[in-house]
PDB file of N, CA and C in Angstrom:
ATOM      1  N   MET A   1     -13.988 -32.678  27.984  1.00  0.00           N
ATOM      2  CA  MET A   1     -15.152 -31.974  27.492  1.00  0.00           C
ATOM      3  C   MET A   1     -14.912 -31.577  26.036  1.00  0.00           C
ATOM      4  N   PHE A   2     -15.933 -31.718  25.228  1.00  0.00           N
ATOM      5  CA  PHE A   2     -15.834 -31.389  23.814  1.00  0.00           C
ATOM      6  C   PHE A   2     -16.227 -29.943  23.565  1.00  0.00           C
ATOM      7  N   ASN A   3     -15.562 -29.346  22.605  1.00  0.00           N
ATOM      8  CA  ASN A   3     -15.925 -27.996  22.199  1.00  0.00           C
ATOM      9  C   ASN A   3     -16.955 -28.126  21.080  1.00  0.00           C
ATOM     10  N   LEU A   4     -18.202 -27.829  21.374  1.00  0.00           N
ATOM     11  CA  LEU A   4     -19.270 -27.995  20.396  1.00  0.00           C
ATOM     12  C   LEU A   4     -19.381 -26.825  19.434  1.00  0.00           C
ATOM     13  N   PHE A   5     -18.835 -25.656  19.824  1.00  0.00           N
ATOM     14  CA  PHE A   5     -18.939 -24.475  18.963  1.00  0.00           C
ATOM     15  C   PHE A   5     -17.856 -24.514  17.887  1.00  0.00           C
ATOM     16  N   GLN A   6     -18.248 -24.551  16.646  1.00  0.00           N
ATOM     17  CA  GLN A   6     -17.325 -24.468  15.524  1.00  0.00           C
ATOM     18  C   GLN A   6     -17.967 -23.583  14.461  1.00  0.00           C
ATOM     19  N   GLN A   7     -17.477 -22.359  14.334  1.00  0.00           N
ATOM     20  CA  GLN A   7     -18.015 -21.442  13.331  1.00  0.00           C
ATOM     21  C   GLN A   7     -17.686 -21.989  11.950  1.00  0.00           C
ATOM     22  N   LYS A   8     -18.670 -22.073  11.079  1.00  0.00           N
ATOM     23  CA  LYS A   8     -18.483 -22.637   9.741  1.00  0.00           C
ATOM     24  C   LYS A   8     -17.988 -21.599   8.736  1.00  0.00           C
ATOM     25  N   THR A   9     -18.628 -20.431   8.739  1.00  0.00           N
ATOM     26  CA  THR A   9     -18.248 -19.370   7.805  1.00  0.00           C
ATOM     27  C   THR A   9     -18.240 -18.032   8.539  1.00  0.00           C
ATOM     28  N   ALA A  10     -17.564 -17.072   7.930  1.00  0.00           N
ATOM     29  CA  ALA A  10     -17.559 -15.695   8.423  1.00  0.00           C
ATOM     30  C   ALA A  10     -17.821 -14.792   7.223  1.00  0.00           C
ATOM     31  N   THR A  11     -18.289 -13.597   7.498  1.00  0.00           N
ATOM     32  CA  THR A  11     -18.594 -12.654   6.432  1.00  0.00           C
ATOM     33  C   THR A  11     -17.586 -11.518   6.462  1.00  0.00           C
ATOM     34  N   LEU A  12     -16.956 -11.271   5.323  1.00  0.00           N
ATOM     35  CA  LEU A  12     -16.036 -10.141   5.200  1.00  0.00           C
ATOM     36  C   LEU A  12     -16.834  -8.845   5.204  1.00  0.00           C
ATOM     37  N   PHE A  13     -16.161  -7.731   5.400  1.00  0.00           N
ATOM     38  CA  PHE A  13     -16.819  -6.420   5.416  1.00  0.00           C
ATOM     39  C   PHE A  13     -17.568  -6.163   4.110  1.00  0.00           C
ATOM     40  N   ASN A  14     -17.037  -6.690   2.989  1.00  0.00           N
ATOM     41  CA  ASN A  14     -17.667  -6.489   1.679  1.00  0.00           C
ATOM     42  C   ASN A  14     -18.818  -7.463   1.415  1.00  0.00           C
ATOM     43  N   GLY A  15     -19.140  -8.329   2.391  1.00  0.00           N
ATOM     44  CA  GLY A  15     -20.277  -9.231   2.264  1.00  0.00           C
ATOM     45  C   GLY A  15     -19.946 -10.632   1.774  1.00  0.00           C
ATOM     46  N   LYS A  16     -18.712 -10.866   1.327  1.00  0.00           N
ATOM     47  CA  LYS A  16     -18.332 -12.199   0.851  1.00  0.00           C
ATOM     48  C   LYS A  16     -18.149 -13.149   2.025  1.00  0.00           C
ATOM     49  N   LYS A  17     -18.490 -14.415   1.810  1.00  0.00           N
ATOM     50  CA  LYS A  17     -18.359 -15.454   2.833  1.00  0.00           C
ATOM     51  C   LYS A  17     -16.997 -16.139   2.698  1.00  0.00           C
ATOM     52  N   VAL A  18     -16.368 -16.438   3.854  1.00  0.00           N
ATOM     53  CA  VAL A  18     -15.102 -17.174   3.877  1.00  0.00           C
ATOM     54  C   VAL A  18     -15.223 -18.304   4.897  1.00  0.00           C
ATOM     55  N   LYS A  19     -14.366 -19.310   4.729  1.00  0.00           N
ATOM     56  CA  LYS A  19     -14.321 -20.427   5.671  1.00  0.00           C
ATOM     57  C   LYS A  19     -12.872 -20.696   6.041  1.00  0.00           C
ATOM     58  N   GLU A  20     -12.661 -21.558   7.021  1.00  0.00           N
ATOM     59  CA  GLU A  20     -11.319 -21.892   7.476  1.00  0.00           C
ATOM     60  C   GLU A  20     -10.474 -22.384   6.299  1.00  0.00           C
ATOM     61  N   GLY A  21      -9.261 -21.844   6.182  1.00  0.00           N
ATOM     62  CA  GLY A  21      -8.342 -22.244   5.125  1.00  0.00           C
ATOM     63  C   GLY A  21      -8.399 -21.391   3.870  1.00  0.00           C
ATOM     64  N   ASP A  22      -9.409 -20.537   3.740  1.00  0.00           N
ATOM     65  CA  ASP A  22      -9.482 -19.647   2.579  1.00  0.00           C
ATOM     66  C   ASP A  22      -8.327 -18.649   2.624  1.00  0.00           C
ATOM     67  N   LYS A  23      -7.759 -18.369   1.448  1.00  0.00           N
ATOM     68  CA  LYS A  23      -6.675 -17.388   1.344  1.00  0.00           C
ATOM     69  C   LYS A  23      -7.287 -16.021   1.066  1.00  0.00           C
ATOM     70  N   VAL A  24      -6.925 -15.045   1.890  1.00  0.00           N
ATOM     71  CA  VAL A  24      -7.450 -13.689   1.763  1.00  0.00           C
ATOM     72  C   VAL A  24      -6.289 -12.691   1.745  1.00  0.00           C
ATOM     73  N   TYR A  25      -6.585 -11.461   1.357  1.00  0.00           N
ATOM     74  CA  TYR A  25      -5.550 -10.426   1.317  1.00  0.00           C
ATOM     75  C   TYR A  25      -6.152  -9.055   1.595  1.00  0.00           C
ATOM     76  N   PHE A  26      -5.282  -8.135   1.952  1.00  0.00           N
ATOM     77  CA  PHE A  26      -5.642  -6.714   2.008  1.00  0.00           C
ATOM     78  C   PHE A  26      -4.406  -5.919   1.629  1.00  0.00           C
ATOM     79  N   ILE A  27      -4.606  -4.673   1.248  1.00  0.00           N
ATOM     80  CA  ILE A  27      -3.512  -3.767   0.909  1.00  0.00           C
ATOM     81  C   ILE A  27      -3.281  -2.878   2.125  1.00  0.00           C
ATOM     82  N   ASN A  28      -2.056  -2.926   2.693  1.00  0.00           N
ATOM     83  CA  ASN A  28      -1.795  -2.131   3.897  1.00  0.00           C
ATOM     84  C   ASN A  28      -1.534  -0.666   3.541  1.00  0.00           C
ATOM     85  N   SER A  29      -1.286   0.146   4.545  1.00  0.00           N
ATOM     86  CA  SER A  29      -1.123   1.594   4.337  1.00  0.00           C
ATOM     87  C   SER A  29       0.118   1.945   3.519  1.00  0.00           C
ATOM     88  N   ASP A  30       1.059   1.009   3.405  1.00  0.00           N
ATOM     89  CA  ASP A  30       2.248   1.223   2.578  1.00  0.00           C
ATOM     90  C   ASP A  30       2.038   0.763   1.142  1.00  0.00           C
ATOM     91  N   GLY A  31       0.838   0.262   0.829  1.00  0.00           N
ATOM     92  CA  GLY A  31       0.546  -0.205  -0.517  1.00  0.00           C
ATOM     93  C   GLY A  31       1.013  -1.633  -0.775  1.00  0.00           C
ATOM     94  N   VAL A  32       1.377  -2.354   0.271  1.00  0.00           N
ATOM     95  CA  VAL A  32       1.868  -3.721   0.135  1.00  0.00           C
ATOM     96  C   VAL A  32       0.704  -4.698   0.300  1.00  0.00           C
ATOM     97  N   ARG A  33       0.637  -5.667  -0.600  1.00  0.00           N
ATOM     98  CA  ARG A  33      -0.402  -6.700  -0.515  1.00  0.00           C
ATOM     99  C   ARG A  33      -0.020  -7.704   0.579  1.00  0.00           C
ATOM    100  N   CYS A  34      -0.884  -7.876   1.572  1.00  0.00           N
ATOM    101  CA  CYS A  34      -0.652  -8.791   2.697  1.00  0.00           C
ATOM    102  C   CYS A  34      -1.640  -9.948   2.590  1.00  0.00           C
ATOM    103  N   GLU A  35      -1.117 -11.174   2.463  1.00  0.00           N
ATOM    104  CA  GLU A  35      -1.965 -12.351   2.318  1.00  0.00           C
ATOM    105  C   GLU A  35      -1.861 -13.250   3.535  1.00  0.00           C
ATOM    106  N   GLY A  36      -2.901 -14.011   3.765  1.00  0.00           N
ATOM    107  CA  GLY A  36      -2.906 -14.976   4.851  1.00  0.00           C
ATOM    108  C   GLY A  36      -4.117 -15.873   4.751  1.00  0.00           C
ATOM    109  N   LEU A  37      -4.192 -16.838   5.664  1.00  0.00           N
ATOM    110  CA  LEU A  37      -5.284 -17.802   5.684  1.00  0.00           C
ATOM    111  C   LEU A  37      -6.259 -17.497   6.813  1.00  0.00           C
ATOM    112  N   ILE A  38      -7.516 -17.805   6.576  1.00  0.00           N
ATOM    113  CA  ILE A  38      -8.514 -17.751   7.638  1.00  0.00           C
ATOM    114  C   ILE A  38      -8.237 -18.934   8.561  1.00  0.00           C
ATOM    115  N   GLN A  39      -8.122 -18.663   9.861  1.00  0.00           N
ATOM    116  CA  GLN A  39      -7.777 -19.698  10.840  1.00  0.00           C
ATOM    117  C   GLN A  39      -8.850 -19.800  11.913  1.00  0.00           C
ATOM    118  N   ARG A  40      -8.727 -20.822  12.744  1.00  0.00           N
ATOM    119  CA  ARG A  40      -9.668 -21.063  13.830  1.00  0.00           C
ATOM    120  C   ARG A  40      -8.986 -20.771  15.167  1.00  0.00           C
ATOM    121  N   ARG A  41      -9.678 -20.047  16.068  1.00  0.00           N
ATOM    122  CA  ARG A  41      -9.124 -19.749  17.397  1.00  0.00           C
ATOM    123  C   ARG A  41      -8.981 -21.030  18.196  1.00  0.00           C
ATOM    124  N   LYS A  42      -7.851 -21.179  18.873  1.00  0.00           N
ATOM    125  CA  LYS A  42      -7.579 -22.369  19.681  1.00  0.00           C
ATOM    126  C   LYS A  42      -8.072 -22.219  21.117  1.00  0.00           C
ATOM    127  N   PHE A  43      -8.378 -20.973  21.536  1.00  0.00           N
ATOM    128  CA  PHE A  43      -8.841 -20.709  22.898  1.00  0.00           C
ATOM    129  C   PHE A  43      -9.663 -19.422  22.902  1.00  0.00           C
ATOM    130  N   ASP A  44     -10.456 -19.202  23.950  1.00  0.00           N
ATOM    131  CA  ASP A  44     -11.222 -17.961  24.096  1.00  0.00           C
ATOM    132  C   ASP A  44     -10.268 -16.785  24.244  1.00  0.00           C
ATOM    133  N   VAL A  45     -10.618 -15.653  23.648  1.00  0.00           N
ATOM    134  CA  VAL A  45      -9.837 -14.426  23.766  1.00  0.00           C
ATOM    135  C   VAL A  45     -10.756 -13.361  24.351  1.00  0.00           C
ATOM    136  N   LYS A  46     -10.426 -12.882  25.555  1.00  0.00           N
ATOM    137  CA  LYS A  46     -11.212 -11.824  26.191  1.00  0.00           C
ATOM    138  C   LYS A  46     -10.553 -10.483  25.888  1.00  0.00           C
ATOM    139  N   LEU A  47     -11.330  -9.578  25.279  1.00  0.00           N
ATOM    140  CA  LEU A  47     -10.820  -8.245  24.973  1.00  0.00           C
ATOM    141  C   LEU A  47     -10.988  -7.366  26.198  1.00  0.00           C
ATOM    142  N   GLU A  48      -9.901  -6.765  26.645  1.00  0.00           N
ATOM    143  CA  GLU A  48      -9.904  -5.963  27.868  1.00  0.00           C
ATOM    144  C   GLU A  48     -10.472  -4.567  27.666  1.00  0.00           C
ATOM    145  N   THR A  49     -10.439  -4.083  26.446  1.00  0.00           N
ATOM    146  CA  THR A  49     -10.930  -2.728  26.183  1.00  0.00           C
ATOM    147  C   THR A  49     -12.279  -2.801  25.472  1.00  0.00           C
ATOM    148  N   ALA A  50     -13.012  -1.715  25.530  1.00  0.00           N
ATOM    149  CA  ALA A  50     -14.305  -1.657  24.828  1.00  0.00           C
ATOM    150  C   ALA A  50     -14.067  -1.843  23.337  1.00  0.00           C
ATOM    151  N   HIS A  51     -14.933  -2.587  22.696  1.00  0.00           N
ATOM    152  CA  HIS A  51     -14.783  -2.901  21.283  1.00  0.00           C
ATOM    153  C   HIS A  51     -16.116  -2.672  20.598  1.00  0.00           C
ATOM    154  N   TYR A  52     -16.080  -2.110  19.419  1.00  0.00           N
ATOM    155  CA  TYR A  52     -17.315  -1.802  18.711  1.00  0.00           C
ATOM    156  C   TYR A  52     -17.927  -3.017  18.024  1.00  0.00           C
ATOM    157  N   GLY A  53     -17.246  -4.159  18.023  1.00  0.00           N
ATOM    158  CA  GLY A  53     -17.796  -5.361  17.407  1.00  0.00           C
ATOM    159  C   GLY A  53     -17.511  -5.420  15.928  1.00  0.00           C
ATOM    160  N   THR A  54     -18.010  -4.469  15.182  1.00  0.00           N
ATOM    161  CA  THR A  54     -17.700  -4.344  13.764  1.00  0.00           C
ATOM    162  C   THR A  54     -17.625  -2.853  13.448  1.00  0.00           C
ATOM    163  N   PRO A  55     -17.019  -2.493  12.322  1.00  0.00           N
ATOM    164  CA  PRO A  55     -16.967  -1.074  11.966  1.00  0.00           C
ATOM    165  C   PRO A  55     -18.356  -0.443  11.806  1.00  0.00           C
ATOM    166  N   ARG A  56     -19.390  -1.248  11.633  1.00  0.00           N
ATOM    167  CA  ARG A  56     -20.750  -0.731  11.460  1.00  0.00           C
ATOM    168  C   ARG A  56     -21.452  -0.452  12.787  1.00  0.00           C
ATOM    169  N   SER A  57     -20.922  -0.978  13.899  1.00  0.00           N
ATOM    170  CA  SER A  57     -21.586  -0.838  15.204  1.00  0.00           C
ATOM    171  C   SER A  57     -21.522   0.604  15.708  1.00  0.00           C
ATOM    172  N   LYS A  58     -22.541   1.002  16.435  1.00  0.00           N
ATOM    173  CA  LYS A  58     -22.598   2.357  16.992  1.00  0.00           C
ATOM    174  C   LYS A  58     -22.160   2.385  18.456  1.00  0.00           C
ATOM    175  N   GLU A  59     -22.533   1.357  19.211  1.00  0.00           N
ATOM    176  CA  GLU A  59     -22.240   1.293  20.640  1.00  0.00           C
ATOM    177  C   GLU A  59     -21.149   0.262  20.925  1.00  0.00           C
ATOM    178  N   PRO A  60     -20.154   0.605  21.746  1.00  0.00           N
ATOM    179  CA  PRO A  60     -19.124  -0.389  22.086  1.00  0.00           C
ATOM    180  C   PRO A  60     -19.673  -1.448  23.034  1.00  0.00           C
ATOM    181  N   HIS A  61     -19.155  -2.653  22.918  1.00  0.00           N
ATOM    182  CA  HIS A  61     -19.493  -3.715  23.860  1.00  0.00           C
ATOM    183  C   HIS A  61     -18.695  -3.474  25.135  1.00  0.00           C
ATOM    184  N   LYS A  62     -19.289  -3.709  26.290  1.00  0.00           N
ATOM    185  CA  LYS A  62     -18.575  -3.537  27.558  1.00  0.00           C
ATOM    186  C   LYS A  62     -17.513  -4.622  27.714  1.00  0.00           C
ATOM    187  N   GLU A  63     -17.886  -5.851  27.381  1.00  0.00           N
ATOM    188  CA  GLU A  63     -16.941  -6.961  27.485  1.00  0.00           C
ATOM    189  C   GLU A  63     -17.169  -7.871  26.287  1.00  0.00           C
ATOM    190  N   THR A  64     -16.115  -8.229  25.606  1.00  0.00           N
ATOM    191  CA  THR A  64     -16.219  -9.085  24.441  1.00  0.00           C
ATOM    192  C   THR A  64     -15.318 -10.289  24.630  1.00  0.00           C
ATOM    193  N   VAL A  65     -15.860 -11.476  24.401  1.00  0.00           N
ATOM    194  CA  VAL A  65     -15.076 -12.703  24.423  1.00  0.00           C
ATOM    195  C   VAL A  65     -15.189 -13.334  23.051  1.00  0.00           C
ATOM    196  N   LEU A  66     -14.051 -13.488  22.387  1.00  0.00           N
ATOM    197  CA  LEU A  66     -14.002 -14.153  21.095  1.00  0.00           C
ATOM    198  C   LEU A  66     -13.854 -15.642  21.364  1.00  0.00           C
ATOM    199  N   LYS A  67     -14.826 -16.420  20.980  1.00  0.00           N
ATOM    200  CA  LYS A  67     -14.936 -17.821  21.371  1.00  0.00           C
ATOM    201  C   LYS A  67     -13.934 -18.740  20.681  1.00  0.00           C
ATOM    202  N   LYS A  68     -13.479 -19.739  21.438  1.00  0.00           N
ATOM    203  CA  LYS A  68     -12.681 -20.827  20.894  1.00  0.00           C
ATOM    204  C   LYS A  68     -13.494 -21.473  19.779  1.00  0.00           C
ATOM    205  N   GLY A  69     -12.858 -21.727  18.647  1.00  0.00           N
ATOM    206  CA  GLY A  69     -13.544 -22.337  17.510  1.00  0.00           C
ATOM    207  C   GLY A  69     -14.047 -21.337  16.493  1.00  0.00           C
ATOM    208  N   SER A  70     -14.022 -20.023  16.850  1.00  0.00           N
ATOM    209  CA  SER A  70     -14.449 -19.016  15.880  1.00  0.00           C
ATOM    210  C   SER A  70     -13.301 -18.705  14.917  1.00  0.00           C
ATOM    211  N   LEU A  71     -13.635 -18.100  13.800  1.00  0.00           N
ATOM    212  CA  LEU A  71     -12.650 -17.840  12.754  1.00  0.00           C
ATOM    213  C   LEU A  71     -12.003 -16.468  12.922  1.00  0.00           C
ATOM    214  N   PHE A  72     -10.722 -16.367  12.496  1.00  0.00           N
ATOM    215  CA  PHE A  72     -10.015 -15.088  12.551  1.00  0.00           C
ATOM    216  C   PHE A  72      -8.990 -15.011  11.423  1.00  0.00           C
ATOM    217  N   PHE A  73      -8.469 -13.806  11.221  1.00  0.00           N
ATOM    218  CA  PHE A  73      -7.417 -13.565  10.236  1.00  0.00           C
ATOM    219  C   PHE A  73      -6.287 -12.806  10.914  1.00  0.00           C
ATOM    220  N   TRP A  74      -5.087 -13.273  10.821  1.00  0.00           N
ATOM    221  CA  TRP A  74      -3.842 -12.694  11.336  1.00  0.00           C
ATOM    222  C   TRP A  74      -3.786 -12.561  12.846  1.00  0.00           C
ATOM    223  N   ASN A  75      -4.629 -11.730  13.436  1.00  0.00           N
ATOM    224  CA  ASN A  75      -4.569 -11.459  14.874  1.00  0.00           C
ATOM    225  C   ASN A  75      -5.831 -12.008  15.525  1.00  0.00           C
ATOM    226  N   ASP A  76      -5.691 -12.959  16.448  1.00  0.00           N
ATOM    227  CA  ASP A  76      -6.886 -13.581  17.034  1.00  0.00           C
ATOM    228  C   ASP A  76      -7.648 -12.656  17.982  1.00  0.00           C
ATOM    229  N   GLY A  77      -7.149 -11.444  18.198  1.00  0.00           N
ATOM    230  CA  GLY A  77      -7.847 -10.462  19.015  1.00  0.00           C
ATOM    231  C   GLY A  77      -8.720  -9.511  18.212  1.00  0.00           C
ATOM    232  N   PHE A  78      -8.883  -9.789  16.924  1.00  0.00           N
ATOM    233  CA  PHE A  78      -9.708  -8.953  16.058  1.00  0.00           C
ATOM    234  C   PHE A  78     -10.787  -9.789  15.393  1.00  0.00           C
ATOM    235  N   PHE A  79     -11.897  -9.142  15.071  1.00  0.00           N
ATOM    236  CA  PHE A  79     -12.918  -9.765  14.246  1.00  0.00           C
ATOM    237  C   PHE A  79     -12.464  -9.706  12.792  1.00  0.00           C
ATOM    238  N   ILE A  80     -12.923 -10.642  11.976  1.00  0.00           N
ATOM    239  CA  ILE A  80     -12.614 -10.604  10.541  1.00  0.00           C
ATOM    240  C   ILE A  80     -13.165  -9.318   9.925  1.00  0.00           C
ATOM    241  N   GLU A  81     -14.319  -8.864  10.412  1.00  0.00           N
ATOM    242  CA  GLU A  81     -14.945  -7.655   9.874  1.00  0.00           C
ATOM    243  C   GLU A  81     -14.138  -6.395  10.155  1.00  0.00           C
ATOM    244  N   ASP A  82     -13.189  -6.454  11.095  1.00  0.00           N
ATOM    245  CA  ASP A  82     -12.354  -5.291  11.399  1.00  0.00           C
ATOM    246  C   ASP A  82     -11.428  -4.935  10.236  1.00  0.00           C
ATOM    247  N   TYR A  83     -11.136  -5.909   9.383  1.00  0.00           N
ATOM    248  CA  TYR A  83     -10.285  -5.677   8.214  1.00  0.00           C
ATOM    249  C   TYR A  83     -11.191  -5.244   7.062  1.00  0.00           C
ATOM    250  N   VAL A  84     -11.400  -3.929   6.943  1.00  0.00           N
ATOM    251  CA  VAL A  84     -12.350  -3.392   5.963  1.00  0.00           C
ATOM    252  C   VAL A  84     -11.943  -3.731   4.535  1.00  0.00           C
ATOM    253  N   GLY A  85     -10.659  -3.740   4.216  1.00  0.00           N
ATOM    254  CA  GLY A  85     -10.199  -3.997   2.857  1.00  0.00           C
ATOM    255  C   GLY A  85      -9.929  -5.460   2.549  1.00  0.00           C
ATOM    256  N   LEU A  86     -10.286  -6.371   3.433  1.00  0.00           N
ATOM    257  CA  LEU A  86     -10.003  -7.794   3.239  1.00  0.00           C
ATOM    258  C   LEU A  86     -10.863  -8.366   2.113  1.00  0.00           C
ATOM    259  N   ASP A  87     -10.231  -9.175   1.241  1.00  0.00           N
ATOM    260  CA  ASP A  87     -10.949  -9.795   0.127  1.00  0.00           C
ATOM    261  C   ASP A  87     -10.338 -11.161  -0.149  1.00  0.00           C
ATOM    262  N   LEU A  88     -11.083 -12.009  -0.849  1.00  0.00           N
ATOM    263  CA  LEU A  88     -10.580 -13.328  -1.222  1.00  0.00           C
ATOM    264  C   LEU A  88      -9.447 -13.189  -2.229  1.00  0.00           C
ATOM    265  N   ALA A  89      -8.385 -13.966  -2.045  1.00  0.00           N
ATOM    266  CA  ALA A  89      -7.262 -13.965  -2.985  1.00  0.00           C
ATOM    267  C   ALA A  89      -7.548 -14.978  -4.090  1.00  0.00           C
ATOM    268  N   ASN A  90      -7.014 -14.731  -5.261  1.00  0.00           N
ATOM    269  CA  ASN A  90      -7.205 -15.660  -6.393  1.00  0.00           C
ATOM    270  C   ASN A  90      -6.206 -16.767  -6.359  1.00  0.00           C
TER     271      ASN A  90
END
């Protein structure tokens, strides 16, 4: 069976668009610049706890499944929008 779902772009918290392979960064709580690539999920990830979806959401989702083929940064159990300080690297 073919996986027909392939997310093309994602939107950072600041509104910028990113795609698979883009280099992004954020500054962690220790002031260290952390860089990485936007990657594609290899399998569905079911979140066991209630998740707000994005920092802008008011109501938590009861059950969230992050789909195979969707884009992520660093941890495949988080949305890209969860990284509020994430920005494109030069």
